[in-house]
Protein backbone atom coordinates (compact mmCIF):
# COMPACT_ATOMS: atom_id res chain seq x y z
CA MET A 1 80.34 126.89 107.65
CA SER A 2 79.71 124.66 104.75
CA ASN A 3 82.42 122.41 102.75
CA ILE A 4 85.17 124.60 101.40
CA GLU A 5 87.45 123.47 98.68
CA LEU A 6 90.61 125.55 97.29
CA THR A 7 92.61 124.78 94.36
CA PRO A 8 96.19 126.14 94.16
CA SER A 9 97.47 124.50 91.05
CA THR A 10 96.84 121.54 88.78
CA GLY A 11 99.01 118.47 89.86
CA SER A 12 99.19 119.43 93.60
CA PRO A 13 98.64 116.29 96.12
CA LYS A 14 94.70 116.30 97.13
CA ILE A 15 93.83 116.09 100.61
CA LEU A 16 90.13 115.33 101.78
CA LEU A 17 90.19 116.98 105.13
CA LEU A 18 87.38 116.07 107.95
CA GLU A 19 87.51 118.29 110.66
CA ASP A 20 84.37 118.83 112.63
CA ASN A 21 86.11 122.17 113.82
CA ASP A 22 84.85 125.10 111.45
CA GLU A 23 87.60 127.20 113.03
CA TYR A 24 90.37 124.52 113.31
CA ARG A 25 88.79 122.81 109.51
CA ALA A 26 89.37 126.44 107.99
CA LEU A 27 92.86 127.05 109.02
CA LEU A 28 93.98 123.33 107.99
CA THR A 29 92.75 124.18 105.08
CA GLU A 30 94.47 127.09 104.68
CA VAL A 31 97.88 126.36 105.17
CA LEU A 32 97.89 122.96 103.91
CA THR A 33 96.98 124.92 100.22
CA LEU A 34 99.26 127.47 100.74
CA SER A 35 101.84 124.63 101.43
CA GLY A 36 100.81 123.43 97.94
CA PHE A 37 98.23 120.71 98.77
CA GLU A 38 94.87 120.61 96.61
CA VAL A 39 92.57 120.60 99.79
CA TYR A 40 88.53 119.15 100.27
CA ALA A 41 87.57 119.85 103.72
CA ALA A 42 84.23 118.56 104.91
CA PRO A 43 83.00 118.69 108.41
CA ASN A 44 82.07 114.86 108.90
CA GLY A 45 82.59 111.61 106.94
CA ARG A 46 79.31 111.43 105.96
CA ARG A 47 80.22 111.93 102.30
CA VAL A 48 83.77 110.14 102.16
CA ASP A 49 82.55 107.38 99.65
CA ASP A 50 81.01 110.11 97.44
CA THR A 51 84.07 112.09 97.35
CA LEU A 52 86.26 109.08 96.91
CA ARG A 53 83.86 108.46 93.57
CA SER A 54 84.21 111.97 91.77
CA ARG A 55 87.77 113.16 92.58
CA HIS A 56 91.10 111.38 93.01
CA ILE A 57 92.13 111.69 96.57
CA ASP A 58 95.97 111.23 97.41
CA LEU A 59 95.64 111.67 101.04
CA VAL A 60 93.23 111.72 103.85
CA ILE A 61 93.90 113.84 107.19
CA THR A 62 90.89 112.68 109.49
CA ASP A 63 89.67 113.89 112.82
CA VAL A 64 88.85 110.98 115.35
CA SER A 65 86.11 111.86 116.66
CA MET A 66 83.18 113.74 114.35
CA PRO A 67 79.66 113.74 114.66
CA GLU A 68 77.61 111.47 112.13
CA ARG A 69 80.76 108.97 111.09
CA ASP A 70 83.84 109.32 113.21
CA GLY A 71 87.50 108.87 112.37
CA LEU A 72 87.77 105.44 112.93
CA GLU A 73 84.86 104.17 111.05
CA ILE A 74 86.09 105.61 107.88
CA MET A 75 89.92 104.70 108.65
CA SER A 76 88.46 101.24 108.38
CA ASP A 77 86.28 101.39 105.35
CA LEU A 78 89.54 103.24 103.68
CA ARG A 79 91.43 100.01 105.10
CA VAL A 80 89.14 97.65 103.54
CA ASN A 81 88.16 99.89 99.82
CA HIS A 82 91.24 102.11 99.39
CA PRO A 83 94.22 100.49 100.78
CA GLU A 84 96.36 102.46 98.61
CA ILE A 85 95.37 106.04 100.20
CA PRO A 86 97.45 106.76 103.38
CA VAL A 87 95.60 108.27 106.51
CA ILE A 88 96.69 110.70 108.85
CA ALA A 89 94.45 110.87 112.06
CA ILE A 90 94.03 113.62 114.35
CA SER A 91 92.88 114.29 117.60
CA GLY A 92 92.88 116.23 120.61
CA ASP A 93 88.59 116.56 121.79
CA VAL A 94 88.01 112.93 122.26
CA PRO A 95 86.03 112.76 125.44
CA LEU A 96 87.39 109.25 127.15
CA ASN A 97 90.84 109.47 126.03
CA THR A 98 92.69 110.59 123.11
CA ASP A 99 95.69 108.61 123.47
CA LEU A 100 93.71 105.55 123.22
CA PHE A 101 91.95 106.47 119.90
CA LEU A 102 95.20 107.75 118.54
CA GLU A 103 96.54 104.18 119.25
CA ILE A 104 93.44 102.54 117.62
CA ALA A 105 94.07 104.62 114.41
CA ALA A 106 97.66 103.87 114.19
CA LYS A 107 96.44 100.26 114.45
CA LEU A 108 93.75 100.72 111.61
CA GLY A 109 97.15 101.74 109.21
CA ALA A 110 97.42 105.22 110.19
CA SER A 111 100.70 106.52 108.42
CA ARG A 112 100.62 108.92 111.47
CA VAL A 113 98.78 110.29 114.33
CA LEU A 114 98.99 113.85 115.34
CA ALA A 115 97.34 114.78 119.12
CA LYS A 116 95.82 118.32 119.24
CA PRO A 117 97.37 120.49 119.33
CA PHE A 118 100.19 119.67 117.07
CA ARG A 119 102.54 122.11 115.37
CA ILE A 120 101.34 122.51 111.70
CA ASP A 121 104.88 122.05 110.92
CA ASP A 122 104.79 118.51 112.03
CA LEU A 123 101.44 118.21 110.07
CA ILE A 124 102.70 119.16 106.68
CA ALA A 125 105.80 116.98 106.94
CA ALA A 126 103.65 114.28 107.59
CA ALA A 127 101.34 115.38 104.48
CA ARG A 128 104.44 115.36 102.40
CA LEU A 129 105.78 112.62 103.58
CA ALA A 130 102.51 110.45 103.12
CA VAL A 131 102.08 111.72 99.40
CA GLY A 132 105.75 110.76 98.60
CA TRP A 133 106.94 114.88 98.34
CA ALA A 134 110.66 114.04 99.17
CA GLU A 135 111.56 117.45 99.65
CA THR A 136 112.21 119.70 102.59
CA PRO A 137 108.35 121.07 104.48
CA ALA A 138 107.95 124.25 103.95
CA LYS A 139 107.33 126.22 106.66
CA ILE A 140 104.59 128.83 107.36
CA ALA A 141 105.22 131.93 108.24
CA ASP A 142 104.15 133.51 111.37
C-alpha cells in the first residue's frame, strides 16, 4: 500500500501517521480523518524530514517498531529539530519488550504512549488533547 493522503477539510489539525502495518495504517487513517483530522500516512519514517519541510504538521503519531527508521529515532530527531510538535507513540509488536520501548518513548517526550491493541477512542482523545482541541472526543460508530 502506498502513502495515503485524505483531506477532510481545511483548517483541520494535521497528523503525520507512521505505521508499517498496511491494514492498521489504513484503519487509523480512516478513524482519525472521520474525527476531523487531516492525516498524512506513511509506512515508515524514512521521509519524515521531507514531510515536515513541505507541510505544517500539528502532531506525529508513530509506531515504535518500524523498518528503515524506527519511532524512537524519529522521536529523538523531533525532540531536537521540532520540539514544538507533540508525538504519540504506539507499539505492540516489538520483538523484545513493548513496555520498555514505550517507556523510552515517554522519556523522549511522547505526550502519550499507547500499547497495541488500544481503544480507538483513546487514540482520538490523546490526539485531540495533543493538538489543543478542548471538546470531548467524538465517538466512532460501531
